[in-house]
Protein backbone atom coordinates (compact mmCIF):
# COMPACT_ATOMS: atom_id res chain seq x y z
CA MET A 1 78.54 116.07 98.37
CA THR A 2 82.07 114.65 98.85
CA THR A 3 82.13 110.88 99.30
CA GLN A 4 84.96 108.84 100.70
CA PRO A 5 86.54 106.21 98.44
CA SER A 6 85.58 102.81 99.78
CA LEU A 7 88.34 100.82 101.50
CA PRO A 8 89.56 97.80 99.55
CA PRO A 9 88.50 94.41 100.79
CA VAL A 10 90.44 92.20 103.19
CA LEU A 11 91.43 89.12 101.39
CA ARG A 12 91.08 85.54 102.66
CA PRO A 13 91.48 82.11 101.18
CA ALA A 14 88.43 80.81 99.35
CA ASP A 15 88.70 77.52 101.26
CA PRO A 16 89.18 78.79 104.83
CA PRO A 17 90.84 76.66 107.52
CA ARG A 18 88.91 74.83 110.24
CA ARG A 19 90.79 74.98 113.58
CA ALA A 20 89.61 73.75 116.93
CA LEU A 21 89.37 76.46 119.54
CA THR A 22 90.57 74.06 122.20
CA GLU A 23 93.80 73.48 120.29
CA LEU A 24 94.32 77.26 119.92
CA ALA A 25 93.88 77.59 123.71
CA ASP A 26 96.34 74.80 124.39
CA ARG A 27 99.01 76.56 122.31
CA PHE A 28 98.47 80.25 123.20
CA ALA A 29 96.17 80.84 126.19
CA ARG A 30 97.15 81.93 129.64
CA ASP A 31 93.57 81.40 130.71
CA VAL A 32 90.16 80.73 129.15
CA ARG A 33 86.56 81.69 129.92
CA GLY A 34 83.50 79.91 128.60
CA ASP A 35 82.89 76.61 126.88
CA LEU A 36 85.42 75.89 124.06
CA ALA A 37 84.21 72.41 123.28
CA ASP A 38 83.20 71.72 119.65
CA VAL A 39 83.99 75.31 118.65
CA HIS A 40 85.96 75.72 115.41
CA LEU A 41 87.28 78.90 113.80
CA SER A 42 87.85 79.70 110.11
CA GLY A 43 89.90 82.89 110.41
CA ILE A 44 91.06 85.69 112.69
CA THR A 45 90.77 89.49 112.54
CA LEU A 46 91.39 92.67 114.50
CA ALA A 47 88.47 94.63 113.04
CA THR A 48 84.81 93.98 113.34
CA ALA A 49 84.30 95.76 110.02
CA ASP A 50 86.18 92.93 108.32
CA LEU A 51 84.96 90.04 110.48
CA ARG A 52 83.21 87.09 108.82
CA ALA A 53 81.05 84.55 110.50
CA GLY A 54 83.12 81.70 112.02
CA GLU A 55 86.15 83.87 112.79
CA ALA A 56 87.78 84.82 116.07
CA PHE A 57 87.90 88.49 117.04
CA VAL A 58 91.14 89.74 118.51
CA ALA A 59 90.51 92.67 120.90
CA ILE A 60 93.51 94.93 121.53
CA LYS A 61 93.69 97.87 123.93
CA GLY A 62 94.06 101.11 122.02
CA VAL A 63 95.08 104.61 123.07
CA ASN A 64 91.50 105.71 123.83
CA ARG A 65 89.38 102.53 123.87
CA HIS A 66 89.73 98.83 124.34
CA GLY A 67 88.84 96.64 121.37
CA ALA A 68 86.88 94.40 123.70
CA GLU A 69 84.19 97.05 123.78
CA PHE A 70 83.21 95.77 120.32
CA ALA A 71 82.86 92.17 121.40
CA GLN A 72 79.07 92.31 121.14
CA THR A 73 79.32 93.69 117.61
CA ALA A 74 81.65 90.77 116.77
CA ALA A 75 79.19 88.26 118.32
CA ASP A 76 76.35 89.75 116.29
CA GLN A 77 78.41 89.32 113.11
CA GLY A 78 79.08 85.64 113.82
CA ALA A 79 82.39 85.64 115.68
CA VAL A 80 83.00 82.33 117.50
CA ALA A 81 85.46 83.61 120.17
CA VAL A 82 87.25 86.66 121.51
CA ILE A 83 91.04 86.68 121.99
CA THR A 84 92.17 89.45 124.33
CA ASP A 85 94.08 90.33 127.51
CA ALA A 86 92.68 90.05 131.07
CA GLU A 87 91.20 93.55 131.04
CA GLY A 88 89.53 92.82 127.74
CA ALA A 89 88.15 89.54 129.03
CA ASP A 90 86.19 91.41 131.70
CA ILE A 91 84.81 93.89 129.19
CA ALA A 92 83.91 91.20 126.63
CA ALA A 93 82.21 88.87 129.10
CA SER A 94 78.68 90.16 128.44
CA ALA A 95 78.93 89.22 124.71
CA GLY A 96 78.66 85.56 125.72
CA LEU A 97 81.47 84.30 123.51
CA PRO A 98 84.28 82.04 124.67
CA VAL A 99 87.30 84.17 125.59
CA ILE A 100 90.93 83.18 125.12
CA ILE A 101 93.13 85.26 127.42
CA VAL A 102 96.77 86.11 126.41
CA ASP A 103 99.18 88.58 127.94
CA ASP A 104 99.63 90.79 124.80
CA PRO A 105 97.23 90.12 121.93
CA ARG A 106 99.14 92.19 119.41
CA ALA A 107 102.44 90.55 120.21
CA VAL A 108 101.04 87.07 119.59
CA LEU A 109 98.81 88.01 116.61
CA GLY A 110 101.38 86.96 114.04
CA ASP A 111 101.95 83.52 115.58
CA LEU A 112 98.24 83.09 116.07
CA SER A 113 97.52 83.99 112.47
CA ALA A 114 100.31 81.74 111.16
CA TRP A 115 98.77 78.83 113.18
CA VAL A 116 95.24 79.56 112.01
CA TYR A 117 96.14 79.85 108.33
CA GLY A 118 99.03 77.38 108.23
CA THR A 119 101.52 80.01 107.05
CA GLY A 120 104.35 79.62 109.51
CA ALA A 121 108.04 79.07 108.65
CA SER A 122 107.71 75.31 108.52
CA ASP A 123 104.62 75.36 106.22
CA SER A 124 104.56 75.08 102.49
CA LEU A 125 104.63 78.68 101.14
CA PRO A 126 105.68 80.66 98.11
CA VAL A 127 109.21 82.04 98.04
CA LEU A 128 109.02 85.22 100.10
CA PHE A 129 110.97 88.43 99.36
CA GLY A 130 110.79 91.26 101.93
CA THR A 131 112.22 94.72 101.26
CA THR A 132 112.74 97.50 103.84
CA GLY A 133 114.31 100.96 103.75
CA THR A 134 113.15 104.56 103.76
CA ASN A 135 112.94 105.07 99.94
CA GLY A 136 112.75 102.52 97.21
CA LYS A 137 111.04 99.60 98.88
CA THR A 138 107.87 99.97 96.90
CA SER A 139 109.85 100.22 93.68
CA VAL A 140 112.00 97.21 94.52
CA SER A 141 108.84 95.20 95.33
CA HIS A 142 107.21 96.05 91.97
CA LEU A 143 110.48 95.39 90.11
CA LEU A 144 110.73 92.01 91.78
CA GLN A 145 107.24 91.11 90.65
CA GLY A 146 107.82 92.48 87.18
CA ILE A 147 110.91 90.32 86.62
CA LEU A 148 109.18 87.31 88.14
CA ASP A 149 106.42 87.69 85.54
CA GLN A 150 109.04 88.04 82.79
CA ILE A 151 110.68 84.70 83.72
CA GLY A 152 107.30 83.00 83.81
CA VAL A 153 106.69 82.75 87.59
CA VAL A 154 103.19 83.16 89.03
CA SER A 155 103.71 85.98 91.44
CA GLY A 156 102.19 87.97 94.24
CA LEU A 157 102.80 91.41 95.69
CA SER A 158 102.01 93.42 98.82
CA SER A 159 103.16 97.03 98.63
CA THR A 160 102.17 100.57 99.73
CA ALA A 161 100.28 100.94 96.51
CA GLU A 162 98.70 97.59 95.68
CA ARG A 163 98.21 93.91 96.45
CA HIS A 164 98.62 91.46 93.52
CA ILE A 165 97.52 87.84 93.53
CA ALA A 166 98.27 85.87 90.39
CA GLY A 167 97.19 88.83 88.21
CA GLN A 168 94.42 90.29 90.37
CA VAL A 169 95.13 93.87 91.50
CA ILE A 170 93.66 95.37 94.69
CA VAL A 171 94.40 98.79 96.22
CA SER A 172 96.37 98.64 99.52
CA ARG A 173 95.26 99.84 102.89
CA LEU A 174 98.61 99.93 104.72
CA THR A 175 102.22 99.65 103.54
CA THR A 176 102.27 96.28 105.35
CA PRO A 177 98.97 94.80 106.37
CA GLU A 178 98.18 93.76 109.98
CA ALA A 179 99.47 90.28 110.75
CA SER A 180 96.09 88.64 110.50
CA GLU A 181 95.51 90.15 107.03
CA MET A 182 99.09 89.37 105.96
CA HIS A 183 98.74 85.67 106.80
CA ALA A 184 95.31 85.39 105.23
CA LEU A 185 96.80 87.01 102.11
CA LEU A 186 99.62 84.44 102.04
CA ALA A 187 97.19 81.63 102.45
CA LEU A 188 95.13 82.94 99.51
CA MET A 189 98.29 83.27 97.42
CA ARG A 190 99.24 79.68 98.19
CA GLU A 191 95.74 78.56 97.31
CA ARG A 192 96.06 80.28 93.95
CA GLU A 193 99.46 78.57 93.29
CA VAL A 194 101.55 81.76 93.55
CA GLU A 195 105.19 80.66 93.44
CA ALA A 196 106.86 83.87 94.75
CA VAL A 197 105.72 86.99 96.66
CA ALA A 198 107.33 90.44 97.00
CA VAL A 199 106.43 92.16 100.27
CA GLU A 200 107.16 95.78 101.27
CA VAL A 201 108.16 95.77 104.93
CA SER A 202 108.02 99.08 106.78
CA ALA A 203 109.80 99.85 110.04
CA GLN A 204 106.36 100.22 111.61
CA ALA A 205 105.46 96.75 110.42
CA LEU A 206 108.39 95.34 112.29
CA SER A 207 107.79 97.44 115.43
CA ARG A 208 104.06 96.72 115.47
CA HIS A 209 104.30 92.95 114.86
CA ARG A 210 102.64 93.04 111.42
CA VAL A 211 105.13 90.54 109.90
CA ASP A 212 105.39 88.29 112.95
CA GLY A 213 105.21 84.64 112.14
CA ILE A 214 106.74 85.13 108.69
CA VAL A 215 110.24 84.06 107.70
CA PHE A 216 111.33 85.65 104.43
CA ASP A 217 113.55 83.70 102.09
CA VAL A 218 115.38 86.89 101.17
CA ALA A 219 115.39 90.28 102.94
CA GLY A 220 116.45 93.40 101.06
CA PHE A 221 117.63 96.80 102.38
CA THR A 222 117.50 99.94 100.23
CA ASN A 223 118.63 102.93 102.33
CA LEU A 224 117.88 105.02 105.36
CA SER A 225 117.14 108.74 105.37
CA HIS A 226 115.16 111.27 107.41
CA ASP A 227 111.54 110.05 107.88
CA HIS A 228 109.10 108.70 110.46
CA LEU A 229 110.44 110.70 113.40
CA ASP A 230 106.85 111.03 114.52
CA ASP A 231 107.04 107.32 115.30
CA TYR A 232 110.67 107.03 116.39
CA ALA A 233 112.61 109.24 118.83
CA ASP A 234 115.54 109.76 116.49
CA MET A 235 117.30 108.31 113.44
CA GLU A 236 119.12 105.72 115.55
CA GLU A 237 115.86 104.31 116.89
CA TYR A 238 114.50 104.32 113.37
CA PHE A 239 117.53 102.40 112.17
CA GLN A 240 117.23 99.89 114.97
CA ALA A 241 113.61 99.31 114.02
CA LYS A 242 114.78 98.04 110.60
CA LEU A 243 117.36 95.56 111.88
CA PRO A 244 115.04 92.76 113.08
CA LEU A 245 114.36 91.93 109.45
CA PHE A 246 117.98 90.70 109.21
CA THR A 247 117.70 88.09 111.98
CA PRO A 248 117.11 84.34 111.59
CA GLU A 249 113.68 84.72 113.12
CA ARG A 250 112.65 86.96 110.16
CA ALA A 251 114.72 85.99 107.13
CA ARG A 252 117.15 83.35 105.77
CA ARG A 253 119.33 85.50 103.59
CA GLY A 254 119.84 89.21 102.96
CA VAL A 255 120.79 91.62 100.18
CA VAL A 256 121.98 95.08 101.27
CA ASN A 257 122.41 98.26 99.19
CA LEU A 258 125.61 100.14 100.21
CA ASP A 259 124.77 103.45 98.61
CA SER A 260 123.81 105.06 101.92
CA SER A 261 126.05 104.86 104.97
CA SER A 262 123.44 102.85 106.81
CA GLY A 263 123.96 99.91 104.40
CA ALA A 264 127.37 99.03 105.86
CA ARG A 265 125.79 99.19 109.37
CA VAL A 266 123.12 96.68 108.36
CA VAL A 267 125.79 94.35 107.09
CA ALA A 268 127.78 94.71 110.35
CA HIS A 269 124.69 93.96 112.52
CA SER A 270 123.10 91.31 110.31
CA GLY A 271 122.44 87.95 111.93
CA ILE A 272 121.94 86.20 108.55
CA PRO A 273 124.23 85.76 105.50
CA VAL A 274 124.16 88.86 103.30
CA VAL A 275 125.51 89.97 99.91
CA THR A 276 125.92 93.61 98.94
CA VAL A 277 125.00 95.80 95.98
CA GLY A 278 126.44 99.25 95.17
CA THR A 279 125.93 102.08 92.67
CA PRO A 280 129.19 104.10 92.71
CA ALA A 281 127.62 106.95 90.66
CA ILE A 282 125.29 107.87 93.54
CA ALA A 283 126.77 106.26 96.62
CA ALA A 284 127.70 108.33 99.63
CA ASP A 285 130.94 106.33 99.57
CA PRO A 286 131.71 105.47 96.00
CA ASP A 287 134.71 103.27 96.91
CA ALA A 288 132.59 101.18 99.24
CA ALA A 289 129.96 100.80 96.53
CA GLU A 290 132.65 99.75 94.03
CA ARG A 291 133.76 96.98 96.42
CA ALA A 292 130.27 95.56 96.77
CA ASP A 293 129.62 91.97 95.69
CA TRP A 294 127.41 93.34 92.90
CA VAL A 295 127.89 96.69 91.16
CA VAL A 296 125.36 98.75 89.23
CA THR A 297 126.85 101.02 86.53
CA ILE A 298 124.69 103.76 84.92
CA ASP A 299 125.05 103.62 81.10
CA ASP A 300 122.43 106.15 79.97
CA GLU A 301 119.49 108.25 81.26
CA ARG A 302 116.42 108.95 79.15
CA GLN A 303 112.93 110.23 79.72
CA SER A 304 111.68 106.71 79.06
CA GLY A 305 114.05 105.03 81.54
CA THR A 306 117.59 104.37 82.76
CA VAL A 307 120.07 102.03 81.12
CA PHE A 308 122.35 100.16 83.51
CA THR A 309 124.77 97.26 83.73
CA LEU A 310 124.84 94.87 86.69
CA THR A 311 128.03 92.88 87.28
CA GLY A 312 128.73 90.35 89.96
CA PRO A 313 130.63 87.26 91.09
CA GLY A 314 131.90 84.76 88.48
CA GLY A 315 131.92 87.31 85.66
CA ARG A 316 128.14 87.59 85.55
CA SER A 317 126.95 90.72 83.75
CA LEU A 318 123.75 91.99 82.15
CA THR A 319 122.70 95.28 80.66
CA THR A 320 119.05 96.36 80.67
CA VAL A 321 116.62 99.24 81.18
CA VAL A 322 114.52 100.15 84.18
CA PRO A 323 111.46 102.03 82.85
CA VAL A 324 111.83 104.97 85.23
CA ILE A 325 114.28 107.88 85.23
CA GLY A 326 117.12 108.13 87.76
CA PRO A 327 120.23 106.17 88.87
CA HIS A 328 118.50 105.42 92.13
CA MET A 329 115.91 103.43 90.13
CA ALA A 330 118.68 101.48 88.49
CA ALA A 331 120.06 100.81 91.99
CA ASN A 332 116.61 99.54 92.99
CA ALA A 333 116.47 97.27 89.94
CA GLY A 334 119.97 95.92 90.71
CA LEU A 335 118.85 95.12 94.25
CA ALA A 336 115.74 93.32 92.92
CA ILE A 337 117.73 91.19 90.51
CA VAL A 338 120.25 90.12 93.17
CA MET A 339 117.38 89.33 95.59
CA LEU A 340 116.00 86.98 92.97
CA VAL A 341 119.34 85.27 92.50
CA GLU A 342 119.66 84.90 96.29
CA GLY A 343 116.14 83.45 96.32
CA GLY A 344 117.21 80.62 94.07
CA TYR A 345 116.20 81.88 90.62
CA ASP A 346 118.77 81.10 87.90
CA TRP A 347 120.91 83.97 86.74
CA ASP A 348 120.88 82.86 83.09
CA ARG A 349 117.08 82.59 83.18
CA ILE A 350 116.79 86.14 84.41
CA ALA A 351 119.43 87.52 82.03
CA ALA A 352 117.84 85.77 79.04
CA ALA A 353 114.35 87.18 79.80
CA LEU A 354 115.67 90.74 80.15
CA ALA A 355 117.73 90.42 76.97
CA ARG A 356 114.62 89.07 75.12
CA ASP A 357 112.41 91.93 76.26
CA GLY A 358 115.04 94.68 76.12
CA GLN A 359 114.03 96.02 79.51
CA ILE A 360 112.41 95.28 82.85
CA PHE A 361 108.69 95.17 82.40
CA ALA A 362 107.37 96.65 85.61
CA TYR A 363 104.61 99.10 86.44
CA LEU A 364 105.71 101.32 89.33
CA PRO A 365 102.61 103.19 90.48
CA GLY A 366 103.34 106.82 91.28
CA ARG A 367 107.12 106.49 90.85
CA THR A 368 108.19 109.40 88.62
CA GLN A 369 105.34 108.62 86.28
CA PHE A 370 105.51 110.47 82.95
CA VAL A 371 101.97 111.72 82.32
CA SER A 372 102.57 114.21 79.51
CA GLY A 373 102.91 113.85 75.72
CA GLU A 374 105.74 113.90 73.23
CA SER A 375 105.66 117.65 72.89
CA GLY A 376 105.24 120.34 75.52
CA PRO A 377 106.52 120.32 79.10
CA ALA A 378 107.35 117.00 80.66
CA VAL A 379 105.19 116.38 83.74
CA TYR A 380 106.06 113.70 86.25
CA VAL A 381 103.92 112.59 89.24
CA ASP A 382 105.90 111.02 92.03
CA PHE A 383 105.18 109.47 95.48
CA GLY A 384 108.40 110.79 97.04
CA HIS A 385 107.80 112.54 100.32
CA THR A 386 111.20 112.76 102.02
CA PRO A 387 114.14 115.19 101.54
CA ASP A 388 116.34 112.33 100.19
CA ALA A 389 113.66 111.32 97.66
CA PHE A 390 113.28 114.90 96.51
CA GLU A 391 117.01 115.31 96.03
CA LYS A 392 117.40 112.10 94.02
CA THR A 393 114.36 112.56 91.84
CA LEU A 394 114.95 116.21 91.05
CA ALA A 395 118.51 115.40 90.02
CA ALA A 396 117.19 112.65 87.78
CA VAL A 397 114.63 114.99 86.18
CA ARG A 398 117.22 117.68 85.73
CA ARG A 399 119.54 115.35 83.74
CA VAL A 400 116.85 114.57 81.13
CA THR A 401 115.39 118.10 80.95
CA PRO A 402 116.86 120.65 78.53
CA GLY A 403 114.93 123.56 80.03
CA ARG A 404 113.77 124.60 83.49
CA VAL A 405 112.56 122.29 86.27
CA LEU A 406 109.51 123.30 88.32
CA MET A 407 108.91 121.49 91.58
CA LEU A 408 105.36 121.21 93.00
CA PHE A 409 104.79 119.59 96.39
CA GLY A 410 103.12 119.60 99.79
CA ALA A 411 103.54 117.70 103.01
CA ASP A 412 101.54 115.31 105.10
CA GLY A 413 99.69 116.66 108.10
CA ASP A 414 99.86 114.81 111.44
CA ARG A 415 103.07 113.10 110.35
CA ASP A 416 106.80 113.71 110.91
CA ALA A 417 107.02 117.57 111.00
CA THR A 418 110.73 117.55 111.66
CA LYS A 419 111.51 116.86 107.98
CA ARG A 420 109.53 119.78 106.56
CA LEU A 421 112.23 122.42 106.61
CA ASP A 422 114.56 119.94 104.82
CA MET A 423 111.82 119.16 102.33
CA GLY A 424 111.61 122.83 101.44
CA ARG A 425 115.37 123.19 101.25
CA THR A 426 115.95 120.17 98.92
CA ALA A 427 112.97 121.14 96.76
CA VAL A 428 114.20 124.69 96.13
CA GLU A 429 117.87 123.64 95.75
CA GLY A 430 116.99 121.21 92.91
CA SER A 431 114.47 123.34 90.99
CA ASP A 432 114.27 126.60 89.08
CA ILE A 433 110.69 127.36 90.21
CA LEU A 434 109.01 126.15 93.31
CA ILE A 435 105.29 125.86 94.05
CA VAL A 436 104.23 124.86 97.56
CA THR A 437 100.69 123.47 97.89
CA ASP A 438 98.74 121.03 100.01
CA HIS A 439 98.90 117.27 100.32
CA HIS A 440 97.12 115.35 103.14
CA PRO A 441 96.47 118.02 105.74
CA ARG A 442 94.54 115.55 107.89
CA PHE A 443 93.67 117.55 111.11
CA GLU A 444 96.46 120.12 110.77
CA ASP A 445 96.07 123.65 109.40
CA PRO A 446 97.28 123.39 105.77
CA ALA A 447 98.40 126.99 105.74
CA SER A 448 100.73 126.29 108.67
CA ILE A 449 102.21 123.25 106.88
CA ARG A 450 102.84 125.37 103.75
CA ALA A 451 104.45 128.13 105.80
CA THR A 452 107.02 125.77 107.25
CA LEU A 453 107.83 124.36 103.82
CA ILE A 454 108.31 127.87 102.40
CA GLU A 455 110.44 128.83 105.37
CA GLY A 456 112.81 125.92 104.65
CA ALA A 457 113.00 126.96 101.02
CA ARG A 458 113.53 130.67 101.76
CA ARG A 459 116.35 129.89 104.26
CA ALA A 460 118.16 127.94 101.52
CA ARG A 461 117.56 130.30 98.62
CA PRO A 462 116.16 133.70 99.63
CA ASP A 463 116.02 134.96 96.07
CA ALA A 464 114.40 131.87 94.55
CA GLU A 465 111.15 132.00 92.64
CA ILE A 466 108.67 130.50 95.14
CA HIS A 467 104.89 130.45 94.86
CA GLU A 468 102.24 129.36 97.31
CA VAL A 469 99.14 128.00 95.63
CA SER A 470 96.25 126.19 97.33
CA PRO A 471 94.47 123.88 96.71
CA PRO A 472 96.53 121.49 94.58
CA GLU A 473 93.87 121.45 91.84
CA ALA A 474 94.75 125.14 91.29
CA ALA A 475 98.46 124.55 91.88
CA ILE A 476 98.96 122.13 88.98
CA VAL A 477 97.12 124.52 86.62
CA ALA A 478 99.47 127.31 87.77
CA ALA A 479 102.50 125.06 87.36
CA VAL A 480 101.62 124.15 83.78
CA GLY A 481 101.04 127.82 83.04
CA MET A 482 104.60 128.69 84.13
CA VAL A 483 106.43 126.19 81.90
CA SER A 484 106.75 125.53 78.19
CA ASP A 485 108.17 123.03 75.70
CA GLY A 486 111.42 121.56 77.01
CA ASP A 487 110.69 122.34 80.62
CA ALA A 488 109.60 119.83 83.28
CA VAL A 489 107.20 119.73 86.25
CA LEU A 490 107.83 117.30 89.12
CA TRP A 491 104.73 116.92 91.29
CA ALA A 492 105.99 115.10 94.36
CA GLY A 493 103.90 113.53 97.13
CA PRO A 494 100.56 112.20 95.74
CA GLY A 495 101.93 109.59 93.34
CA HIS A 496 99.45 106.72 92.89
CA GLN A 497 97.02 107.76 95.63
CA ASP A 498 93.44 108.34 94.66
CA TYR A 499 92.38 110.53 97.59
CA ARG A 500 93.33 113.38 99.88
CA ASP A 501 92.86 113.06 103.66
CA ILE A 502 91.14 116.24 104.85
CA ARG A 503 90.02 116.18 108.44
CA GLY A 504 89.57 112.40 108.40
CA VAL A 505 87.61 112.38 105.09
CA ARG A 506 89.19 110.61 102.13
CA THR A 507 88.33 113.05 99.35
CA PRO A 508 88.53 111.45 95.83
CA TYR A 509 91.48 112.91 93.97
CA SER A 510 94.05 111.89 91.33
CA ALA A 511 97.17 113.92 90.68
CA ARG A 512 97.79 112.05 87.45
CA GLU A 513 94.38 112.98 86.01
CA LEU A 514 94.57 116.54 87.28
CA ALA A 515 97.98 116.96 85.56
CA ARG A 516 96.61 115.56 82.33
CA ARG A 517 93.64 117.95 82.45
CA ALA A 518 95.86 120.89 83.13
CA LEU A 519 98.05 120.02 80.15
CA GLN A 520 95.00 119.62 77.91
CA ALA A 521 93.52 122.89 79.10
CA ALA A 522 96.85 124.63 78.23
CA GLY A 523 96.64 123.20 74.70
CA TRP A 524 99.13 120.33 75.02
CA ARG A 525 98.27 116.90 73.66
CA VAL A 526 98.46 114.03 76.14
CA PRO A 527 98.29 110.30 75.40
CA ASP A 528 95.59 108.00 76.74
CA SER A 529 95.93 106.94 80.36
CA ARG A 530 98.96 104.65 80.72
CA TRP A 531 98.34 103.08 84.12
CA PRO A 532 96.05 100.15 85.03
CA VAL A 533 93.02 100.95 87.11
CA PRO A 534 93.19 99.05 90.41
CA TYR A 535 90.31 97.16 91.84
CA SER A 536 87.84 99.29 93.76
CA ASP A 537 84.95 97.77 95.59
């Protein structure tokens, strides 16, 4: 029987706070019900599944149900209070807990959490780096942490793939955690003497208040391309959702990549001081990229990584290697280095560490991971799931591949369907052979998803070699059977993920291991697994 992978734990400080409920009410409540005297709380959460005794339960109205309906469950698990709106207060009354009434629980959750955990802008915190953009924000976050480790800084990370706390690795739930979880995580990092934290900040995190109450020391912007139009009406609304990160309420300084046209718009609308980074070799406007404060020059591309030079003000220059293929990855690395400089880390210290090590030491889970051996076809597993990511990664694979390039991919169900035709188009335009398979169908018909992807490919190249193979376990076997020594397979979509979402069930699944097995079954030697195994409860 198929079993769902267990969700990773929600992290809290080992020494939780002790806050008086009366003081919380004085600061945040519009009204209160019940006796608050002598009641103290040690945390705050949105989910009864994560609630610990002594914490407050925040009940938010959802699309179908009100969270206050679970107030009795929260009380049974040891909650000391419910924080909700007026409607929720009436629903939660029978649970017998004190109720703090606020106008919009989600809108105040960040400030509530910052107060509970002592992680607001005026509190003592690690140096905070927040990166947003359509593509590259996970890579920049991991590169930031990798370089911090190289210069001897105890670091933390919160990304789509993983959470890191001073060396501990935990699988992520969301790109950016809910505000209550985010502040608890920061409190834990401070408790463990983490000096600097890299945080991936999605547009949804900004729109849905997940980073409220946090002021980043440095905000970074990678790019903007077609994605998330299931959440936003159009690309302009999506762009506007990113901009709040570049306001004094969210960040102190900014670093903006100018390789996409949206970079210049971020600079123009920024409410904080910003510096710019450009990569003329891949920029939409090479002249604008050349005029950036910092410039990334591509020196060499290899299967093992990309050599680049970063030059900036005052004659500063360094040459190093990012351990992933593609100029876009060098651009990500340049952005990360400049963010560190803007965050107060000494340029000479960074340059010396990279010169000593000969490259950036960073593990980028699911980012064009090379899973094959020294002989036979090169197989890469990548997390890219947008047309722009496909275009950049296929071009990078093409430049280091002497033979043919086979593209294998699927698309998410119940997500932005407007990008699927373009996904098919860019996939077929950048490859010699195309295999369309399944990814996370969720509650959609996977055959319908595949049909749209194939339609996009056929419109672009009617005579292209296109195959439809389902499920993906069979697709990777078929892919390896179609290529030979000197060819390459790019499997885009699954990346680091260890499951497929099929009708709400998280089915255990690893594209990396499936690719390795397919290669071995075809007679090709593959090395031992190269990636760390994340924590799984």
